[in-house]
Amino acid sequence: MSIDSDKPKFDGRITLLKLFASLINPSDVAQITTTLNVNGIIITGTMIGMKPYYEAISEKLKETVRGTSEEIDTAVKKDLEEIFEQLKQPPSIEELEKGFDFEYIYLKDAKFYSSGIFFPAEGTYWIGKIDSVDGFILGSFAPIPLP
């Protein structure tokens, strides 16, 4: 018998994050500022829906694509558009009614804090699995410089 089998099955933290995800992920406009603890790293940002996340990532990737020719750039960008068009589709109404399971959190303007070091990353997008989150708060904070 493993030690994991002794863990309680209910985890209110995971349930609450999944509730937020179920409200925000299918939306084009809903968002909430949150701060997460993931394996000792603090990540703060604005939780956004799946579609806005993938739209933004798609645009960022298309901006950075630079091939050896305009023809290659156009072909690669077209392929990226097709891939991200499929990814950004929110679940159907039927899936939502059946209780579609949202497993990920999508953040924009993510910032990272680890071991007292602040990693500013304006315009950064982050995706993380809800089950990997150790704790969270609603809202954000700014680091206070040490004397």
N, C-alpha and C. Protein backbone atom coordinates (compact mmCIF):
# COMPACT_ATOMS: atom_id res chain seq x y z
N MET A 1 0.84 -1.18 0.00
CA MET A 1 0.00 0.00 0.00
C MET A 1 0.89 1.24 0.00
N SER A 2 0.60 2.16 -0.88
CA SER A 2 1.44 3.35 -0.98
C SER A 2 0.97 4.42 -0.01
N ILE A 3 1.87 5.33 0.27
CA ILE A 3 1.56 6.46 1.16
C ILE A 3 0.50 7.34 0.53
N ASP A 4 0.52 7.47 -0.82
CA ASP A 4 -0.46 8.32 -1.51
C ASP A 4 -1.89 7.86 -1.26
N SER A 5 -2.12 6.57 -1.06
CA SER A 5 -3.48 6.08 -0.85
C SER A 5 -4.05 6.56 0.48
N ASP A 6 -3.18 7.03 1.39
CA ASP A 6 -3.65 7.52 2.68
C ASP A 6 -4.09 8.98 2.62
N LYS A 7 -3.83 9.66 1.50
CA LYS A 7 -4.21 11.06 1.38
C LYS A 7 -5.72 11.18 1.23
N PRO A 8 -6.29 12.23 1.81
CA PRO A 8 -7.73 12.43 1.62
C PRO A 8 -8.03 12.74 0.16
N LYS A 9 -9.20 12.31 -0.30
CA LYS A 9 -9.57 12.51 -1.69
C LYS A 9 -10.03 13.93 -1.97
N PHE A 10 -10.62 14.61 -1.01
CA PHE A 10 -11.10 15.98 -1.23
C PHE A 10 -9.99 16.97 -0.96
N ASP A 11 -9.82 17.87 -1.89
CA ASP A 11 -8.84 18.94 -1.74
C ASP A 11 -9.54 20.24 -2.10
N GLY A 12 -9.96 20.99 -1.11
CA GLY A 12 -10.72 22.22 -1.33
C GLY A 12 -9.97 23.22 -2.18
N ARG A 13 -8.65 23.27 -2.04
CA ARG A 13 -7.84 24.21 -2.83
C ARG A 13 -8.00 23.90 -4.32
N ILE A 14 -7.86 22.64 -4.68
CA ILE A 14 -7.99 22.24 -6.07
C ILE A 14 -9.42 22.49 -6.55
N THR A 15 -10.38 22.17 -5.74
CA THR A 15 -11.77 22.36 -6.11
C THR A 15 -12.07 23.83 -6.36
N LEU A 16 -11.58 24.71 -5.51
CA LEU A 16 -11.82 26.14 -5.67
C LEU A 16 -11.14 26.68 -6.93
N LEU A 17 -9.91 26.27 -7.21
CA LEU A 17 -9.24 26.70 -8.43
C LEU A 17 -9.96 26.19 -9.67
N LYS A 18 -10.45 24.97 -9.61
CA LYS A 18 -11.21 24.43 -10.74
C LYS A 18 -12.51 25.20 -10.94
N LEU A 19 -13.11 25.66 -9.85
CA LEU A 19 -14.32 26.48 -9.95
C LEU A 19 -14.00 27.79 -10.67
N PHE A 20 -12.92 28.45 -10.25
CA PHE A 20 -12.50 29.69 -10.93
C PHE A 20 -12.21 29.41 -12.40
N ALA A 21 -11.50 28.32 -12.67
CA ALA A 21 -11.17 27.98 -14.05
C ALA A 21 -12.43 27.73 -14.87
N SER A 22 -13.43 27.07 -14.26
CA SER A 22 -14.67 26.80 -15.00
C SER A 22 -15.44 28.07 -15.33
N LEU A 23 -15.23 29.14 -14.55
CA LEU A 23 -15.88 30.41 -14.83
C LEU A 23 -15.08 31.26 -15.82
N ILE A 24 -13.76 31.20 -15.72
CA ILE A 24 -12.91 32.09 -16.51
C ILE A 24 -12.47 31.46 -17.83
N ASN A 25 -12.10 30.18 -17.84
CA ASN A 25 -11.55 29.57 -19.05
C ASN A 25 -12.44 29.64 -20.28
N PRO A 26 -13.75 29.44 -20.18
CA PRO A 26 -14.57 29.51 -21.40
C PRO A 26 -14.90 30.95 -21.84
N SER A 27 -14.51 31.93 -21.06
CA SER A 27 -14.87 33.32 -21.33
C SER A 27 -13.81 34.04 -22.16
N ASP A 28 -14.28 34.98 -22.97
CA ASP A 28 -13.38 35.84 -23.73
C ASP A 28 -12.96 37.06 -22.92
N VAL A 29 -13.71 37.38 -21.86
CA VAL A 29 -13.46 38.64 -21.14
C VAL A 29 -13.24 38.49 -19.64
N ALA A 30 -13.69 37.41 -19.04
CA ALA A 30 -13.54 37.25 -17.59
C ALA A 30 -12.07 37.10 -17.23
N GLN A 31 -11.71 37.70 -16.12
CA GLN A 31 -10.33 37.58 -15.62
C GLN A 31 -10.30 37.89 -14.14
N ILE A 32 -9.27 37.39 -13.48
CA ILE A 32 -9.10 37.64 -12.05
C ILE A 32 -7.60 37.60 -11.74
N THR A 33 -7.16 38.55 -10.92
CA THR A 33 -5.76 38.59 -10.53
C THR A 33 -5.54 37.58 -9.42
N THR A 34 -4.49 36.80 -9.56
CA THR A 34 -4.21 35.75 -8.59
C THR A 34 -2.72 35.57 -8.41
N THR A 35 -2.35 35.03 -7.27
CA THR A 35 -0.96 34.70 -6.96
C THR A 35 -0.93 33.22 -6.56
N LEU A 36 -0.04 32.47 -7.19
CA LEU A 36 0.04 31.03 -6.98
C LEU A 36 1.38 30.65 -6.37
N ASN A 37 1.39 29.60 -5.58
CA ASN A 37 2.61 28.98 -5.09
C ASN A 37 2.71 27.64 -5.80
N VAL A 38 3.73 27.49 -6.65
CA VAL A 38 3.92 26.26 -7.39
C VAL A 38 5.33 25.75 -7.09
N ASN A 39 5.39 24.72 -6.26
CA ASN A 39 6.68 24.13 -5.86
C ASN A 39 7.66 25.18 -5.32
N GLY A 40 7.15 26.10 -4.51
CA GLY A 40 8.00 27.10 -3.88
C GLY A 40 8.25 28.34 -4.72
N ILE A 41 7.82 28.35 -5.95
CA ILE A 41 7.94 29.54 -6.80
C ILE A 41 6.61 30.28 -6.75
N ILE A 42 6.68 31.58 -6.52
CA ILE A 42 5.48 32.40 -6.49
C ILE A 42 5.26 32.97 -7.89
N ILE A 43 4.05 32.76 -8.41
CA ILE A 43 3.70 33.25 -9.73
C ILE A 43 2.46 34.12 -9.56
N THR A 44 2.54 35.36 -10.01
CA THR A 44 1.41 36.26 -9.91
C THR A 44 1.07 36.78 -11.30
N GLY A 45 -0.21 36.96 -11.56
CA GLY A 45 -0.65 37.44 -12.86
C GLY A 45 -2.16 37.50 -12.91
N THR A 46 -2.67 37.70 -14.10
CA THR A 46 -4.11 37.78 -14.30
C THR A 46 -4.59 36.52 -15.00
N MET A 47 -5.48 35.78 -14.32
CA MET A 47 -6.03 34.56 -14.90
C MET A 47 -7.01 34.97 -16.01
N ILE A 48 -6.80 34.40 -17.19
CA ILE A 48 -7.65 34.71 -18.34
C ILE A 48 -8.19 33.41 -18.93
N GLY A 49 -9.09 33.54 -19.90
CA GLY A 49 -9.68 32.38 -20.55
C GLY A 49 -8.75 31.72 -21.54
N MET A 50 -9.15 30.52 -21.97
CA MET A 50 -8.36 29.74 -22.92
C MET A 50 -8.18 30.48 -24.24
N LYS A 51 -9.28 31.00 -24.76
CA LYS A 51 -9.23 31.64 -26.07
C LYS A 51 -8.31 32.87 -26.08
N PRO A 52 -8.48 33.81 -25.13
CA PRO A 52 -7.55 34.96 -25.14
C PRO A 52 -6.09 34.54 -24.94
N TYR A 53 -5.87 33.50 -24.14
CA TYR A 53 -4.50 33.01 -23.92
C TYR A 53 -3.89 32.53 -25.24
N TYR A 54 -4.60 31.63 -25.92
CA TYR A 54 -4.05 31.08 -27.16
C TYR A 54 -3.98 32.11 -28.28
N GLU A 55 -4.90 33.07 -28.29
CA GLU A 55 -4.82 34.15 -29.28
C GLU A 55 -3.53 34.96 -29.06
N ALA A 56 -3.25 35.29 -27.81
CA ALA A 56 -2.06 36.08 -27.50
C ALA A 56 -0.79 35.30 -27.81
N ILE A 57 -0.75 34.04 -27.44
CA ILE A 57 0.43 33.21 -27.71
C ILE A 57 0.63 33.07 -29.22
N SER A 58 -0.44 32.89 -29.94
CA SER A 58 -0.36 32.78 -31.40
C SER A 58 0.24 34.04 -32.00
N GLU A 59 -0.23 35.20 -31.55
CA GLU A 59 0.30 36.47 -32.08
C GLU A 59 1.78 36.63 -31.74
N LYS A 60 2.15 36.29 -30.50
CA LYS A 60 3.56 36.39 -30.11
C LYS A 60 4.44 35.49 -30.97
N LEU A 61 3.99 34.27 -31.22
CA LEU A 61 4.78 33.36 -32.05
C LEU A 61 4.87 33.85 -33.49
N LYS A 62 3.76 34.33 -34.02
CA LYS A 62 3.79 34.83 -35.41
C LYS A 62 4.72 36.04 -35.53
N GLU A 63 4.78 36.87 -34.50
CA GLU A 63 5.67 38.02 -34.52
C GLU A 63 7.14 37.61 -34.53
N THR A 64 7.44 36.47 -33.91
CA THR A 64 8.85 36.06 -33.79
C THR A 64 9.32 35.16 -34.92
N VAL A 65 8.38 34.69 -35.76
CA VAL A 65 8.77 33.81 -36.87
C VAL A 65 9.56 34.62 -37.90
N ARG A 66 10.76 34.16 -38.14
CA ARG A 66 11.61 34.80 -39.15
C ARG A 66 12.34 33.70 -39.91
N GLY A 67 11.88 33.44 -41.10
CA GLY A 67 12.51 32.42 -41.94
C GLY A 67 13.52 33.06 -42.87
N THR A 68 13.92 32.28 -43.83
CA THR A 68 14.89 32.78 -44.80
C THR A 68 14.23 33.53 -45.94
N SER A 69 12.91 33.42 -46.02
CA SER A 69 12.21 34.14 -47.08
C SER A 69 10.81 34.51 -46.62
N GLU A 70 10.21 35.46 -47.33
CA GLU A 70 8.85 35.87 -47.00
C GLU A 70 7.87 34.73 -47.24
N GLU A 71 8.15 33.91 -48.25
CA GLU A 71 7.29 32.77 -48.57
C GLU A 71 7.27 31.77 -47.41
N ILE A 72 8.45 31.50 -46.83
CA ILE A 72 8.53 30.58 -45.69
C ILE A 72 7.83 31.20 -44.49
N ASP A 73 8.07 32.49 -44.23
CA ASP A 73 7.41 33.17 -43.12
C ASP A 73 5.89 33.05 -43.24
N THR A 74 5.37 33.29 -44.43
CA THR A 74 3.92 33.24 -44.65
C THR A 74 3.40 31.83 -44.41
N ALA A 75 4.10 30.81 -44.92
CA ALA A 75 3.68 29.42 -44.75
C ALA A 75 3.69 29.01 -43.28
N VAL A 76 4.76 29.37 -42.57
CA VAL A 76 4.87 29.01 -41.15
C VAL A 76 3.78 29.72 -40.35
N LYS A 77 3.57 31.00 -40.62
CA LYS A 77 2.55 31.75 -39.90
C LYS A 77 1.16 31.17 -40.17
N LYS A 78 0.91 30.72 -41.39
CA LYS A 78 -0.38 30.11 -41.71
C LYS A 78 -0.56 28.81 -40.91
N ASP A 79 0.50 28.00 -40.86
CA ASP A 79 0.44 26.76 -40.07
C ASP A 79 0.19 27.06 -38.59
N LEU A 80 0.88 28.07 -38.06
CA LEU A 80 0.68 28.45 -36.66
C LEU A 80 -0.76 28.89 -36.42
N GLU A 81 -1.31 29.68 -37.33
CA GLU A 81 -2.69 30.13 -37.19
C GLU A 81 -3.64 28.95 -37.11
N GLU A 82 -3.44 27.95 -37.97
CA GLU A 82 -4.31 26.76 -37.97
C GLU A 82 -4.21 26.00 -36.65
N ILE A 83 -2.97 25.81 -36.18
CA ILE A 83 -2.77 25.09 -34.92
C ILE A 83 -3.45 25.81 -33.77
N PHE A 84 -3.21 27.12 -33.66
CA PHE A 84 -3.76 27.86 -32.54
C PHE A 84 -5.27 28.08 -32.66
N GLU A 85 -5.78 28.08 -33.86
CA GLU A 85 -7.23 28.19 -34.04
C GLU A 85 -7.91 26.99 -33.39
N GLN A 86 -7.32 25.81 -33.54
CA GLN A 86 -7.87 24.61 -32.92
C GLN A 86 -7.72 24.65 -31.40
N LEU A 87 -6.57 25.11 -30.92
CA LEU A 87 -6.30 25.14 -29.47
C LEU A 87 -7.20 26.10 -28.72
N LYS A 88 -7.54 27.24 -29.32
CA LYS A 88 -8.25 28.27 -28.57
C LYS A 88 -9.76 28.06 -28.52
N GLN A 89 -10.25 26.98 -29.11
CA GLN A 89 -11.67 26.73 -29.08
C GLN A 89 -12.11 26.32 -27.67
N PRO A 90 -12.97 27.11 -27.06
CA PRO A 90 -13.45 26.73 -25.73
C PRO A 90 -14.34 25.49 -25.83
N PRO A 91 -14.58 24.85 -24.71
CA PRO A 91 -15.44 23.67 -24.74
C PRO A 91 -16.84 24.04 -25.20
N SER A 92 -17.51 23.07 -25.81
CA SER A 92 -18.87 23.29 -26.28
C SER A 92 -19.83 23.40 -25.08
N ILE A 93 -21.02 23.91 -25.35
CA ILE A 93 -22.05 24.03 -24.31
C ILE A 93 -22.35 22.65 -23.72
N GLU A 94 -22.40 21.64 -24.59
CA GLU A 94 -22.68 20.28 -24.11
C GLU A 94 -21.60 19.81 -23.14
N GLU A 95 -20.33 20.09 -23.47
CA GLU A 95 -19.24 19.69 -22.58
C GLU A 95 -19.33 20.43 -21.25
N LEU A 96 -19.64 21.73 -21.32
CA LEU A 96 -19.78 22.51 -20.09
C LEU A 96 -20.92 21.98 -19.23
N GLU A 97 -22.04 21.63 -19.87
CA GLU A 97 -23.20 21.11 -19.12
C GLU A 97 -22.89 19.76 -18.48
N LYS A 98 -22.02 18.98 -19.13
CA LYS A 98 -21.63 17.67 -18.57
C LYS A 98 -20.55 17.82 -17.50
N GLY A 99 -20.10 19.05 -17.27
CA GLY A 99 -19.09 19.26 -16.24
C GLY A 99 -17.68 19.16 -16.80
N PHE A 100 -17.42 19.80 -17.90
CA PHE A 100 -16.09 19.80 -18.51
C PHE A 100 -15.05 20.10 -17.44
N ASP A 101 -14.01 19.30 -17.38
CA ASP A 101 -13.00 19.42 -16.32
C ASP A 101 -11.88 20.35 -16.77
N PHE A 102 -11.81 21.52 -16.14
CA PHE A 102 -10.74 22.47 -16.44
C PHE A 102 -9.55 22.12 -15.57
N GLU A 103 -8.44 21.76 -16.19
CA GLU A 103 -7.26 21.32 -15.47
C GLU A 103 -6.14 22.36 -15.46
N TYR A 104 -6.29 23.43 -16.24
CA TYR A 104 -5.20 24.39 -16.38
C TYR A 104 -5.64 25.80 -16.02
N ILE A 105 -4.64 26.59 -15.62
CA ILE A 105 -4.81 28.01 -15.34
C ILE A 105 -3.99 28.74 -16.40
N TYR A 106 -4.57 29.78 -16.97
CA TYR A 106 -3.89 30.59 -17.98
C TYR A 106 -3.70 31.98 -17.40
N LEU A 107 -2.44 32.45 -17.37
CA LEU A 107 -2.15 33.78 -16.83
C LEU A 107 -1.55 34.68 -17.90
N LYS A 108 -1.90 35.95 -17.83
CA LYS A 108 -1.19 36.96 -18.64
C LYS A 108 -0.45 37.86 -17.66
N ASP A 109 0.57 38.53 -18.16
CA ASP A 109 1.41 39.41 -17.34
C ASP A 109 1.94 38.68 -16.10
N ALA A 110 2.37 37.44 -16.32
CA ALA A 110 2.89 36.63 -15.22
C ALA A 110 4.24 37.17 -14.75
N LYS A 111 4.42 37.17 -13.44
CA LYS A 111 5.68 37.57 -12.82
C LYS A 111 6.07 36.46 -11.85
N PHE A 112 7.36 36.28 -11.66
CA PHE A 112 7.85 35.14 -10.89
C PHE A 112 8.75 35.60 -9.76
N TYR A 113 8.63 34.95 -8.59
CA TYR A 113 9.44 35.23 -7.42
C TYR A 113 9.98 33.91 -6.91
N SER A 114 11.28 33.84 -6.69
CA SER A 114 11.88 32.62 -6.17
C SER A 114 13.08 32.98 -5.32
N SER A 115 13.15 32.44 -4.14
CA SER A 115 14.28 32.65 -3.22
C SER A 115 14.62 34.12 -3.05
N GLY A 116 13.58 34.94 -2.92
CA GLY A 116 13.80 36.38 -2.71
C GLY A 116 14.17 37.14 -3.96
N ILE A 117 14.18 36.48 -5.10
CA ILE A 117 14.52 37.15 -6.36
C ILE A 117 13.24 37.36 -7.16
N PHE A 118 13.07 38.56 -7.65
CA PHE A 118 11.90 38.92 -8.46
C PHE A 118 12.30 38.87 -9.93
N PHE A 119 11.54 38.13 -10.71
CA PHE A 119 11.78 38.03 -12.14
C PHE A 119 10.66 38.76 -12.87
N PRO A 120 10.83 40.06 -13.13
CA PRO A 120 9.77 40.77 -13.84
C PRO A 120 9.71 40.28 -15.29
N ALA A 121 8.52 40.08 -15.76
CA ALA A 121 8.36 39.59 -17.12
C ALA A 121 7.07 40.14 -17.70
N GLU A 122 7.01 41.43 -17.90
CA GLU A 122 5.80 42.05 -18.44
C GLU A 122 5.46 41.42 -19.79
N GLY A 123 4.18 41.20 -19.99
CA GLY A 123 3.73 40.64 -21.25
C GLY A 123 3.95 39.14 -21.37
N THR A 124 4.33 38.50 -20.27
CA THR A 124 4.58 37.06 -20.29
C THR A 124 3.28 36.30 -20.04
N TYR A 125 3.11 35.23 -20.78
CA TYR A 125 1.95 34.36 -20.61
C TYR A 125 2.43 33.05 -20.00
N TRP A 126 1.62 32.50 -19.11
CA TRP A 126 2.00 31.28 -18.40
C TRP A 126 0.78 30.36 -18.34
N ILE A 127 1.02 29.06 -18.47
CA ILE A 127 -0.02 28.07 -18.30
C ILE A 127 0.48 27.05 -17.28
N GLY A 128 -0.40 26.64 -16.39
CA GLY A 128 0.00 25.67 -15.38
C GLY A 128 -1.15 24.74 -15.02
N LYS A 129 -0.79 23.55 -14.62
CA LYS A 129 -1.78 22.55 -14.23
C LYS A 129 -2.27 22.84 -12.81
N ILE A 130 -3.54 22.87 -12.62
CA ILE A 130 -4.13 23.19 -11.31
C ILE A 130 -3.62 22.23 -10.24
N ASP A 131 -3.48 20.97 -10.57
CA ASP A 131 -3.01 19.98 -9.59
C ASP A 131 -1.60 20.25 -9.11
N SER A 132 -0.83 21.10 -9.81
CA SER A 132 0.53 21.43 -9.41
C SER A 132 0.60 22.60 -8.44
N VAL A 133 -0.51 23.27 -8.24
CA VAL A 133 -0.54 24.45 -7.37
C VAL A 133 -0.60 24.01 -5.91
N ASP A 134 0.32 24.55 -5.11
CA ASP A 134 0.36 24.22 -3.68
C ASP A 134 -0.51 25.15 -2.85
N GLY A 135 -0.74 26.36 -3.34
CA GLY A 135 -1.57 27.32 -2.63
C GLY A 135 -1.76 28.56 -3.49
N PHE A 136 -2.73 29.40 -3.13
CA PHE A 136 -2.97 30.60 -3.91
C PHE A 136 -3.67 31.66 -3.08
N ILE A 137 -3.60 32.88 -3.56
CA ILE A 137 -4.39 33.97 -3.00
C ILE A 137 -5.03 34.70 -4.17
N LEU A 138 -6.15 35.31 -3.92
CA LEU A 138 -6.74 36.16 -4.94
C LEU A 138 -6.10 37.53 -4.78
N GLY A 139 -5.64 38.09 -5.86
CA GLY A 139 -4.97 39.37 -5.81
C GLY A 139 -3.51 39.20 -6.12
N SER A 140 -2.80 40.32 -6.05
CA SER A 140 -1.39 40.35 -6.42
C SER A 140 -0.62 41.06 -5.34
N PHE A 141 0.68 41.03 -5.45
CA PHE A 141 1.51 41.77 -4.52
C PHE A 141 2.75 42.25 -5.26
N ALA A 142 3.40 43.21 -4.70
CA ALA A 142 4.65 43.72 -5.28
C ALA A 142 5.77 43.43 -4.30
N PRO A 143 6.92 43.08 -4.80
CA PRO A 143 8.05 42.79 -3.89
C PRO A 143 8.53 44.06 -3.19
N ILE A 144 8.94 43.90 -1.97
CA ILE A 144 9.52 45.02 -1.21
C ILE A 144 11.03 44.81 -1.21
N PRO A 145 11.77 45.78 -1.71
CA PRO A 145 13.23 45.61 -1.73
C PRO A 145 13.81 45.50 -0.33
N LEU A 146 14.75 44.60 -0.17
CA LEU A 146 15.41 44.44 1.11
C LEU A 146 16.44 45.54 1.30
N PRO A 147 16.62 46.01 2.56
CA PRO A 147 17.59 47.08 2.79
C PRO A 147 19.02 46.62 2.58
